[in-house]
């Protein structure tokens, strides 16, 4: 069984990202990411700090705008409008979950499609569905690039996606089709889910339930991408896949931690760099 860890891929890619940033800075442009954090969700606070640290390491400008959970809808909309209009800002990310006064689908549309480095604006999701992507959703992008780094081709392969969230499951399915894979989409209302997923060469698990997928969902030798991450009371991190049960059954799997998580942040950085490059290119 092969562990598909993120670290070798990120180390191999770091130089190219730094080169792109240096080229932009030589033209007087520093890629700039603004992360909006509303409230004090503990997991979100840790995650946005990782984003800021990664950006700083690469040489991007990054700022977390920390706002109270009592923030009104109009106040957040005004802030996003201001960032959309600022030519020095290349990427805007609104950290989820948001307090209950906000409708997340509505908020995602506030960010300009040209600064939507999370890849979740309807225009960017539509471009992906059309086969002409610009900003690809971060987690799906990172998982596909990790597989390509380890030498896997998805062309013509049968891929099962467990989950249909607008953040991972749905855009991941579109990206797999873009990569010429054949798709099985499994969700909470799917009948015979195990029978379906056992056919797949590659299984992508993003259902938000700890240790839900065991070997009964997987054919021998399958490649498994575990998108889930959950913290146990003792502090240990686990995924949506029961790692101990499947490790001797699959040919390769992403670990938790050290697998998909760092890829999501890396894709966010690359989308921010791309946004700066596109903004600097004459039309």
C-alpha atoms as a PDB file:
ATOM      1  CA  UNK A   1       0.000   0.000   0.000  1.00  0.00           C
ATOM      2  CA  UNK A   2       1.355   3.396  -1.031  1.00  0.00           C
ATOM      3  CA  UNK A   3       0.786   6.537   1.025  1.00  0.00           C
ATOM      4  CA  UNK A   4       0.010   9.495  -1.225  1.00  0.00           C
ATOM      5  CA  UNK A   5       1.406  12.216   1.017  1.00  0.00           C
ATOM      6  CA  UNK A   6       1.271  15.860   0.018  1.00  0.00           C
ATOM      7  CA  UNK A   7       4.762  16.891   1.138  1.00  0.00           C
ATOM      8  CA  UNK A   8       6.818  15.625  -1.861  1.00  0.00           C
ATOM      9  CA  UNK A   9       4.384  17.192  -4.310  1.00  0.00           C
ATOM     10  CA  UNK A  10       4.364  20.536  -2.491  1.00  0.00           C
ATOM     11  CA  UNK A  11       8.161  20.611  -2.279  1.00  0.00           C
ATOM     12  CA  UNK A  12       8.458  19.906  -6.007  1.00  0.00           C
ATOM     13  CA  UNK A  13       5.979  22.665  -6.817  1.00  0.00           C
ATOM     14  CA  UNK A  14       7.261  25.349  -4.435  1.00  0.00           C
ATOM     15  CA  UNK A  15       9.994  26.649  -6.730  1.00  0.00           C
ATOM     16  CA  UNK A  16       7.656  27.216  -9.655  1.00  0.00           C
ATOM     17  CA  UNK A  17       5.209  29.173  -7.481  1.00  0.00           C
ATOM     18  CA  UNK A  18       8.003  31.307  -6.044  1.00  0.00           C
ATOM     19  CA  UNK A  19       9.298  32.002  -9.553  1.00  0.00           C
ATOM     20  CA  UNK A  20       5.876  33.191 -10.685  1.00  0.00           C
ATOM     21  CA  UNK A  21       5.653  35.471  -7.644  1.00  0.00           C
ATOM     22  CA  UNK A  22       9.133  36.926  -8.304  1.00  0.00           C
ATOM     23  CA  UNK A  23       8.164  37.625 -11.913  1.00  0.00           C
ATOM     24  CA  UNK A  24       5.086  39.500 -10.751  1.00  0.00           C
ATOM     25  CA  UNK A  25       7.023  41.469  -8.149  1.00  0.00           C
ATOM     26  CA  UNK A  26       9.543  42.469 -10.828  1.00  0.00           C
ATOM     27  CA  UNK A  27       6.593  44.168 -12.520  1.00  0.00           C
ATOM     28  CA  UNK A  28       5.598  45.904  -9.287  1.00  0.00           C
ATOM     29  CA  UNK A  29       2.788  43.471  -8.463  1.00  0.00           C
ATOM     30  CA  UNK A  30       2.520  41.482  -5.237  1.00  0.00           C
ATOM     31  CA  UNK A  31      -0.232  38.841  -5.274  1.00  0.00           C
ATOM     32  CA  UNK A  32      -2.621  39.758  -2.469  1.00  0.00           C
ATOM     33  CA  UNK A  33      -5.101  37.503  -0.683  1.00  0.00           C
ATOM     34  CA  UNK A  34      -7.749  38.727   1.738  1.00  0.00           C
ATOM     35  CA  UNK A  35      -9.404  36.135   3.966  1.00  0.00           C
ATOM     36  CA  UNK A  36     -12.608  37.167   5.729  1.00  0.00           C
ATOM     37  CA  UNK A  37     -13.307  35.407   9.031  1.00  0.00           C
ATOM     38  CA  UNK A  38     -16.656  36.169  10.672  1.00  0.00           C
ATOM     39  CA  UNK A  39     -16.902  34.921  14.241  1.00  0.00           C
ATOM     40  CA  UNK A  40     -14.530  32.727  16.240  1.00  0.00           C
ATOM     41  CA  UNK A  41     -15.074  29.176  15.044  1.00  0.00           C
ATOM     42  CA  UNK A  42     -11.981  27.360  16.442  1.00  0.00           C
ATOM     43  CA  UNK A  43     -11.363  25.173  13.394  1.00  0.00           C
ATOM     44  CA  UNK A  44     -11.751  28.135  11.044  1.00  0.00           C
ATOM     45  CA  UNK A  45      -9.298  30.212  13.081  1.00  0.00           C
ATOM     46  CA  UNK A  46      -6.658  27.497  12.825  1.00  0.00           C
ATOM     47  CA  UNK A  47      -7.294  27.023   9.117  1.00  0.00           C
ATOM     48  CA  UNK A  48      -7.057  30.707   8.175  1.00  0.00           C
ATOM     49  CA  UNK A  49      -3.813  31.016  10.126  1.00  0.00           C
ATOM     50  CA  UNK A  50      -2.367  28.146   8.080  1.00  0.00           C
ATOM     51  CA  UNK A  51      -3.390  29.983   4.920  1.00  0.00           C
ATOM     52  CA  UNK A  52      -1.737  33.186   6.089  1.00  0.00           C
ATOM     53  CA  UNK A  53       1.469  31.389   7.094  1.00  0.00           C
ATOM     54  CA  UNK A  54       1.704  29.534   3.776  1.00  0.00           C
ATOM     55  CA  UNK A  55       1.147  32.753   1.834  1.00  0.00           C
ATOM     56  CA  UNK A  56       3.841  34.545   3.816  1.00  0.00           C
ATOM     57  CA  UNK A  57       6.312  31.709   3.238  1.00  0.00           C
ATOM     58  CA  UNK A  58       5.805  31.906  -0.525  1.00  0.00           C
ATOM     59  CA  UNK A  59       6.008  35.685  -0.642  1.00  0.00           C
ATOM     60  CA  UNK A  60       2.364  36.561  -1.143  1.00  0.00           C
ATOM     61  CA  UNK A  61       0.681  39.348   0.751  1.00  0.00           C
ATOM     62  CA  UNK A  62      -2.072  37.886   2.921  1.00  0.00           C
ATOM     63  CA  UNK A  63      -4.343  39.397   5.526  1.00  0.00           C
ATOM     64  CA  UNK A  64      -7.087  37.884   7.648  1.00  0.00           C
ATOM     65  CA  UNK A  65      -9.947  40.302   8.302  1.00  0.00           C
ATOM     66  CA  UNK A  66     -11.412  39.141  11.620  1.00  0.00           C
ATOM     67  CA  UNK A  67     -14.977  40.317  12.150  1.00  0.00           C
ATOM     68  CA  UNK A  68     -17.492  39.759  14.971  1.00  0.00           C
ATOM     69  CA  UNK A  69     -20.198  37.119  14.696  1.00  0.00           C
ATOM     70  CA  UNK A  70     -22.757  39.925  15.130  1.00  0.00           C
ATOM     71  CA  UNK A  71     -21.727  41.467  11.794  1.00  0.00           C
ATOM     72  CA  UNK A  72     -24.748  42.364   9.682  1.00  0.00           C
ATOM     73  CA  UNK A  73     -25.372  41.096   6.168  1.00  0.00           C
ATOM     74  CA  UNK A  74     -25.098  44.606   4.749  1.00  0.00           C
ATOM     75  CA  UNK A  75     -21.792  45.252   6.541  1.00  0.00           C
ATOM     76  CA  UNK A  76     -20.211  42.127   5.067  1.00  0.00           C
ATOM     77  CA  UNK A  77     -21.574  42.929   1.614  1.00  0.00           C
ATOM     78  CA  UNK A  78     -20.083  46.436   1.813  1.00  0.00           C
ATOM     79  CA  UNK A  79     -16.683  45.018   2.764  1.00  0.00           C
ATOM     80  CA  UNK A  80     -16.709  42.505  -0.092  1.00  0.00           C
ATOM     81  CA  UNK A  81     -17.724  45.237  -2.558  1.00  0.00           C
ATOM     82  CA  UNK A  82     -14.774  47.330  -1.367  1.00  0.00           C
ATOM     83  CA  UNK A  83     -12.325  44.444  -1.844  1.00  0.00           C
ATOM     84  CA  UNK A  84     -13.781  43.675  -5.280  1.00  0.00           C
ATOM     85  CA  UNK A  85     -13.068  47.265  -6.330  1.00  0.00           C
ATOM     86  CA  UNK A  86      -9.496  47.338  -4.969  1.00  0.00           C
ATOM     87  CA  UNK A  87      -7.061  46.582  -7.836  1.00  0.00           C
ATOM     88  CA  UNK A  88      -4.333  45.608  -5.361  1.00  0.00           C
ATOM     89  CA  UNK A  89      -6.455  42.711  -4.054  1.00  0.00           C
ATOM     90  CA  UNK A  90      -6.274  39.615  -6.261  1.00  0.00           C
ATOM     91  CA  UNK A  91      -7.998  36.980  -4.160  1.00  0.00           C
ATOM     92  CA  UNK A  92     -10.931  37.090  -1.734  1.00  0.00           C
ATOM     93  CA  UNK A  93     -11.938  34.132   0.410  1.00  0.00           C
ATOM     94  CA  UNK A  94     -14.862  34.125   2.838  1.00  0.00           C
ATOM     95  CA  UNK A  95     -14.185  31.437   5.407  1.00  0.00           C
ATOM     96  CA  UNK A  96     -17.031  29.067   6.154  1.00  0.00           C
ATOM     97  CA  UNK A  97     -19.026  28.267   8.224  1.00  0.00           C
ATOM     98  CA  UNK A  98     -20.681  31.666   8.570  1.00  0.00           C
ATOM     99  CA  UNK A  99     -23.001  32.798  11.379  1.00  0.00           C
ATOM    100  CA  UNK A 100     -26.709  32.007  10.864  1.00  0.00           C
ATOM    101  CA  UNK A 101     -27.679  35.465   9.585  1.00  0.00           C
ATOM    102  CA  UNK A 102     -25.847  34.742   6.315  1.00  0.00           C
ATOM    103  CA  UNK A 103     -26.968  32.593   3.392  1.00  0.00           C
ATOM    104  CA  UNK A 104     -23.733  30.974   2.231  1.00  0.00           C
ATOM    105  CA  UNK A 105     -24.826  30.446  -1.378  1.00  0.00           C
ATOM    106  CA  UNK A 106     -25.723  34.111  -1.625  1.00  0.00           C
ATOM    107  CA  UNK A 107     -22.460  35.255  -0.045  1.00  0.00           C
ATOM    108  CA  UNK A 108     -20.416  33.187  -2.523  1.00  0.00           C
ATOM    109  CA  UNK A 109     -21.874  35.279  -5.343  1.00  0.00           C
ATOM    110  CA  UNK A 110     -20.755  38.550  -3.763  1.00  0.00           C
ATOM    111  CA  UNK A 111     -17.099  37.881  -4.511  1.00  0.00           C
ATOM    112  CA  UNK A 112     -16.124  38.886  -8.036  1.00  0.00           C
ATOM    113  CA  UNK A 113     -15.625  35.849 -10.266  1.00  0.00           C
ATOM    114  CA  UNK A 114     -12.229  37.355 -11.177  1.00  0.00           C
ATOM    115  CA  UNK A 115     -11.135  37.265  -7.514  1.00  0.00           C
ATOM    116  CA  UNK A 116     -12.886  34.032  -6.534  1.00  0.00           C
ATOM    117  CA  UNK A 117      -9.740  32.076  -5.699  1.00  0.00           C
ATOM    118  CA  UNK A 118     -11.859  29.510  -3.846  1.00  0.00           C
ATOM    119  CA  UNK A 119     -13.351  28.565  -7.221  1.00  0.00           C
ATOM    120  CA  UNK A 120     -16.936  28.490  -5.933  1.00  0.00           C
ATOM    121  CA  UNK A 121     -18.578  31.400  -7.757  1.00  0.00           C
ATOM    122  CA  UNK A 122     -21.335  30.158 -10.108  1.00  0.00           C
ATOM    123  CA  UNK A 123     -19.418  31.565 -13.070  1.00  0.00           C
ATOM    124  CA  UNK A 124     -16.282  29.573 -12.208  1.00  0.00           C
ATOM    125  CA  UNK A 125     -18.256  26.422 -11.497  1.00  0.00           C
ATOM    126  CA  UNK A 126     -20.019  26.944 -14.813  1.00  0.00           C
ATOM    127  CA  UNK A 127     -16.726  27.320 -16.665  1.00  0.00           C
ATOM    128  CA  UNK A 128     -15.577  24.053 -15.108  1.00  0.00           C
ATOM    129  CA  UNK A 129     -18.777  22.291 -16.170  1.00  0.00           C
ATOM    130  CA  UNK A 130     -18.254  23.713 -19.663  1.00  0.00           C
ATOM    131  CA  UNK A 131     -14.750  22.254 -19.811  1.00  0.00           C
ATOM    132  CA  UNK A 132     -13.100  25.678 -19.824  1.00  0.00           C
ATOM    133  CA  UNK A 133     -11.997  26.220 -16.199  1.00  0.00           C
ATOM    134  CA  UNK A 134     -10.202  29.257 -14.843  1.00  0.00           C
ATOM    135  CA  UNK A 135     -10.276  29.143 -11.035  1.00  0.00           C
ATOM    136  CA  UNK A 136     -10.851  25.518 -10.040  1.00  0.00           C
ATOM    137  CA  UNK A 137     -12.227  24.699  -6.588  1.00  0.00           C
ATOM    138  CA  UNK A 138      -9.222  24.237  -4.323  1.00  0.00           C
ATOM    139  CA  UNK A 139      -9.737  20.773  -2.828  1.00  0.00           C
ATOM    140  CA  UNK A 140     -10.744  19.072  -6.105  1.00  0.00           C
ATOM    141  CA  UNK A 141      -7.861  20.712  -7.922  1.00  0.00           C
ATOM    142  CA  UNK A 142      -5.340  19.645  -5.304  1.00  0.00           C
ATOM    143  CA  UNK A 143      -6.474  16.026  -5.254  1.00  0.00           C
ATOM    144  CA  UNK A 144      -6.261  15.661  -9.031  1.00  0.00           C
ATOM    145  CA  UNK A 145      -2.835  17.286  -9.175  1.00  0.00           C
ATOM    146  CA  UNK A 146      -1.583  14.992  -6.400  1.00  0.00           C
ATOM    147  CA  UNK A 147      -2.638  11.926  -8.380  1.00  0.00           C
ATOM    148  CA  UNK A 148      -0.921  13.268 -11.501  1.00  0.00           C
ATOM    149  CA  UNK A 149       2.245  13.945  -9.482  1.00  0.00           C
ATOM    150  CA  UNK A 150       2.318  10.292  -8.398  1.00  0.00           C
ATOM    151  CA  UNK A 151       1.905   9.180 -12.006  1.00  0.00           C
ATOM    152  CA  UNK A 152      -1.746   8.197 -12.086  1.00  0.00           C
ATOM    153  CA  UNK A 153      -3.811   8.858 -15.203  1.00  0.00           C
ATOM    154  CA  UNK A 154      -7.564   9.246 -14.837  1.00  0.00           C
ATOM    155  CA  UNK A 155      -8.300   9.002 -18.540  1.00  0.00           C
ATOM    156  CA  UNK A 156     -10.852   6.254 -19.121  1.00  0.00           C
ATOM    157  CA  UNK A 157     -10.742   5.170 -15.467  1.00  0.00           C
ATOM    158  CA  UNK A 158     -13.861   4.483 -13.418  1.00  0.00           C
ATOM    159  CA  UNK A 159     -13.997   6.955 -10.547  1.00  0.00           C
ATOM    160  CA  UNK A 160     -16.469   7.011  -7.656  1.00  0.00           C
ATOM    161  CA  UNK A 161     -17.139  10.245  -5.757  1.00  0.00           C
ATOM    162  CA  UNK A 162     -18.837   9.837  -2.391  1.00  0.00           C
ATOM    163  CA  UNK A 163     -20.475  13.147  -1.598  1.00  0.00           C
ATOM    164  CA  UNK A 164     -22.166  15.928  -3.559  1.00  0.00           C
ATOM    165  CA  UNK A 165     -21.420  19.113  -1.636  1.00  0.00           C
ATOM    166  CA  UNK A 166     -20.980  22.290  -3.710  1.00  0.00           C
ATOM    167  CA  UNK A 167     -17.523  22.706  -2.175  1.00  0.00           C
ATOM    168  CA  UNK A 168     -16.007  19.303  -2.998  1.00  0.00           C
ATOM    169  CA  UNK A 169     -18.268  16.585  -4.391  1.00  0.00           C
ATOM    170  CA  UNK A 170     -19.921  18.434  -7.255  1.00  0.00           C
ATOM    171  CA  UNK A 171     -16.912  20.371  -8.593  1.00  0.00           C
ATOM    172  CA  UNK A 172     -14.729  17.284  -8.161  1.00  0.00           C
ATOM    173  CA  UNK A 173     -17.109  15.308 -10.355  1.00  0.00           C
ATOM    174  CA  UNK A 174     -16.937  17.989 -13.051  1.00  0.00           C
ATOM    175  CA  UNK A 175     -13.149  18.034 -12.874  1.00  0.00           C
ATOM    176  CA  UNK A 176     -12.979  14.251 -13.217  1.00  0.00           C
ATOM    177  CA  UNK A 177     -15.130  14.454 -16.351  1.00  0.00           C
ATOM    178  CA  UNK A 178     -12.824  17.199 -17.624  1.00  0.00           C
ATOM    179  CA  UNK A 179      -9.957  14.739 -17.101  1.00  0.00           C
ATOM    180  CA  UNK A 180     -11.781  12.099 -19.222  1.00  0.00           C
ATOM    181  CA  UNK A 181     -12.677   9.827 -16.309  1.00  0.00           C
ATOM    182  CA  UNK A 182     -15.902   7.837 -16.179  1.00  0.00           C
ATOM    183  CA  UNK A 183     -17.962   8.855 -13.158  1.00  0.00           C
ATOM    184  CA  UNK A 184     -20.051   7.245 -10.442  1.00  0.00           C
ATOM    185  CA  UNK A 185     -21.614   9.809  -8.081  1.00  0.00           C
ATOM    186  CA  UNK A 186     -22.704   8.401  -4.717  1.00  0.00           C
ATOM    187  CA  UNK A 187     -24.614  10.325  -2.060  1.00  0.00           C
ATOM    188  CA  UNK A 188     -26.887   9.830   0.942  1.00  0.00           C
ATOM    189  CA  UNK A 189     -29.855   8.784  -1.212  1.00  0.00           C
ATOM    190  CA  UNK A 190     -27.943   6.333  -3.407  1.00  0.00           C
ATOM    191  CA  UNK A 191     -29.178   2.760  -3.347  1.00  0.00           C
ATOM    192  CA  UNK A 192     -26.528   0.012  -3.315  1.00  0.00           C
ATOM    193  CA  UNK A 193     -23.692   2.480  -2.687  1.00  0.00           C
ATOM    194  CA  UNK A 194     -21.193  -0.213  -1.735  1.00  0.00           C
ATOM    195  CA  UNK A 195     -21.951  -2.252  -4.833  1.00  0.00           C
ATOM    196  CA  UNK A 196     -21.370   0.806  -7.009  1.00  0.00           C
ATOM    197  CA  UNK A 197     -18.160   2.028  -5.403  1.00  0.00           C
ATOM    198  CA  UNK A 198     -16.620  -1.465  -5.427  1.00  0.00           C
ATOM    199  CA  UNK A 199     -16.433  -1.149  -9.214  1.00  0.00           C
ATOM    200  CA  UNK A 200     -14.234   1.962  -9.142  1.00  0.00           C
ATOM    201  CA  UNK A 201     -10.504   2.206  -9.818  1.00  0.00           C
ATOM    202  CA  UNK A 202     -10.337   5.491  -7.902  1.00  0.00           C
ATOM    203  CA  UNK A 203     -12.564   6.382  -4.942  1.00  0.00           C
ATOM    204  CA  UNK A 204     -12.843   9.965  -3.664  1.00  0.00           C
ATOM    205  CA  UNK A 205     -14.484  10.185  -0.238  1.00  0.00           C
ATOM    206  CA  UNK A 206     -15.945  13.517   0.892  1.00  0.00           C
ATOM    207  CA  UNK A 207     -18.993  12.749   3.010  1.00  0.00           C
ATOM    208  CA  UNK A 208     -18.085  14.299   6.371  1.00  0.00           C
ATOM    209  CA  UNK A 209     -18.510  11.142   8.464  1.00  0.00           C
ATOM    210  CA  UNK A 210     -15.485   9.786  10.357  1.00  0.00           C
ATOM    211  CA  UNK A 211     -14.291   6.282   9.402  1.00  0.00           C
ATOM    212  CA  UNK A 212     -17.467   5.726   7.383  1.00  0.00           C
ATOM    213  CA  UNK A 213     -15.890   3.966   4.411  1.00  0.00           C
ATOM    214  CA  UNK A 214     -14.393   0.536   5.085  1.00  0.00           C
ATOM    215  CA  UNK A 215     -13.137  -2.150   2.728  1.00  0.00           C
ATOM    216  CA  UNK A 216     -16.688  -3.190   1.852  1.00  0.00           C
ATOM    217  CA  UNK A 217     -16.871  -0.040  -0.291  1.00  0.00           C
ATOM    218  CA  UNK A 218     -13.636  -0.738  -2.158  1.00  0.00           C
ATOM    219  CA  UNK A 219     -12.420  -3.262  -4.661  1.00  0.00           C
ATOM    220  CA  UNK A 220      -8.986  -4.779  -3.990  1.00  0.00           C
ATOM    221  CA  UNK A 221      -6.254  -2.496  -5.281  1.00  0.00           C
ATOM    222  CA  UNK A 222      -8.348   0.658  -5.490  1.00  0.00           C
ATOM    223  CA  UNK A 223      -6.747   4.085  -5.093  1.00  0.00           C
ATOM    224  CA  UNK A 224      -8.450   6.110  -2.356  1.00  0.00           C
ATOM    225  CA  UNK A 225      -8.518   9.864  -1.809  1.00  0.00           C
ATOM    226  CA  UNK A 226      -9.793  10.703   1.679  1.00  0.00           C
ATOM    227  CA  UNK A 227     -11.011  14.314   1.789  1.00  0.00           C
ATOM    228  CA  UNK A 228     -12.514  14.119   5.279  1.00  0.00           C
ATOM    229  CA  UNK A 229     -10.840  15.372   8.428  1.00  0.00           C
ATOM    230  CA  UNK A 230     -12.167  14.984  11.973  1.00  0.00           C
ATOM    231  CA  UNK A 231     -10.594  15.616  15.362  1.00  0.00           C
ATOM    232  CA  UNK A 232     -11.213  13.017  18.059  1.00  0.00           C
ATOM    233  CA  UNK A 233     -11.513  13.934  21.765  1.00  0.00           C
ATOM    234  CA  UNK A 234      -7.886  12.856  22.287  1.00  0.00           C
ATOM    235  CA  UNK A 235      -6.769  15.285  19.578  1.00  0.00           C
ATOM    236  CA  UNK A 236      -6.067  12.653  16.924  1.00  0.00           C
ATOM    237  CA  UNK A 237      -7.075  13.496  13.350  1.00  0.00           C
ATOM    238  CA  UNK A 238      -8.883  10.911  11.233  1.00  0.00           C
ATOM    239  CA  UNK A 239     -10.628  10.902   7.865  1.00  0.00           C
ATOM    240  CA  UNK A 240     -13.854   9.674   6.303  1.00  0.00           C
ATOM    241  CA  UNK A 241     -12.112   6.358   5.535  1.00  0.00           C
ATOM    242  CA  UNK A 242     -11.368   3.689   8.129  1.00  0.00           C
ATOM    243  CA  UNK A 243      -7.646   3.649   7.410  1.00  0.00           C
ATOM    244  CA  UNK A 244      -6.792   0.616   9.537  1.00  0.00           C
ATOM    245  CA  UNK A 245      -9.494  -1.475   7.895  1.00  0.00           C
ATOM    246  CA  UNK A 246      -8.554  -0.617   4.297  1.00  0.00           C
ATOM    247  CA  UNK A 247      -4.768  -0.212   4.399  1.00  0.00           C
ATOM    248  CA  UNK A 248      -4.077  -3.834   3.410  1.00  0.00           C
ATOM    249  CA  UNK A 249      -6.867  -3.829   0.842  1.00  0.00           C
ATOM    250  CA  UNK A 250      -6.063  -0.798  -1.346  1.00  0.00           C
ATOM    251  CA  UNK A 251      -3.048  -0.028  -3.512  1.00  0.00           C
ATOM    252  CA  UNK A 252      -2.750   3.605  -2.437  1.00  0.00           C
ATOM    253  CA  UNK A 253      -4.439   6.104  -0.109  1.00  0.00           C
ATOM    254  CA  UNK A 254      -4.014   9.679   1.104  1.00  0.00           C
ATOM    255  CA  UNK A 255      -3.239   9.847   4.826  1.00  0.00           C
ATOM    256  CA  UNK A 256      -5.047  12.028   7.365  1.00  0.00           C
ATOM    257  CA  UNK A 257      -3.371  14.287   8.255  1.00  0.00           C
ATOM    258  CA  UNK A 258      -0.755  15.000   5.596  1.00  0.00           C
ATOM    259  CA  UNK A 259      -2.852  14.238   2.538  1.00  0.00           C
ATOM    260  CA  UNK A 260      -5.565  16.420   1.056  1.00  0.00           C
ATOM    261  CA  UNK A 261      -5.514  19.255   3.636  1.00  0.00           C
ATOM    262  CA  UNK A 262      -2.228  20.904   2.566  1.00  0.00           C
ATOM    263  CA  UNK A 263      -3.251  20.559  -1.095  1.00  0.00           C
ATOM    264  CA  UNK A 264      -6.300  22.741  -0.549  1.00  0.00           C
ATOM    265  CA  UNK A 265      -4.178  25.586   0.798  1.00  0.00           C
ATOM    266  CA  UNK A 266      -1.614  25.166  -1.983  1.00  0.00           C
ATOM    267  CA  UNK A 267      -4.339  25.426  -4.634  1.00  0.00           C
ATOM    268  CA  UNK A 268      -5.628  28.580  -2.974  1.00  0.00           C
ATOM    269  CA  UNK A 269      -2.156  30.118  -3.267  1.00  0.00           C
ATOM    270  CA  UNK A 270      -1.861  29.128  -6.925  1.00  0.00           C
ATOM    271  CA  UNK A 271      -5.281  30.544  -7.744  1.00  0.00           C
ATOM    272  CA  UNK A 272      -4.259  33.835  -6.101  1.00  0.00           C
ATOM    273  CA  UNK A 273      -1.081  33.948  -8.190  1.00  0.00           C
ATOM    274  CA  UNK A 274      -3.093  33.186 -11.327  1.00  0.00           C
ATOM    275  CA  UNK A 275      -5.532  35.981 -10.512  1.00  0.00           C
ATOM    276  CA  UNK A 276      -2.629  38.440 -10.183  1.00  0.00           C
ATOM    277  CA  UNK A 277      -1.164  37.250 -13.492  1.00  0.00           C
ATOM    278  CA  UNK A 278      -4.482  37.628 -15.290  1.00  0.00           C
ATOM    279  CA  UNK A 279      -5.027  41.093 -13.820  1.00  0.00           C
ATOM    280  CA  UNK A 280      -1.559  42.133 -15.000  1.00  0.00           C
ATOM    281  CA  UNK A 281      -2.057  40.867 -18.547  1.00  0.00           C
ATOM    282  CA  UNK A 282      -3.354  43.450 -21.034  1.00  0.00           C
ATOM    283  CA  UNK A 283      -6.690  42.494 -22.557  1.00  0.00           C
END
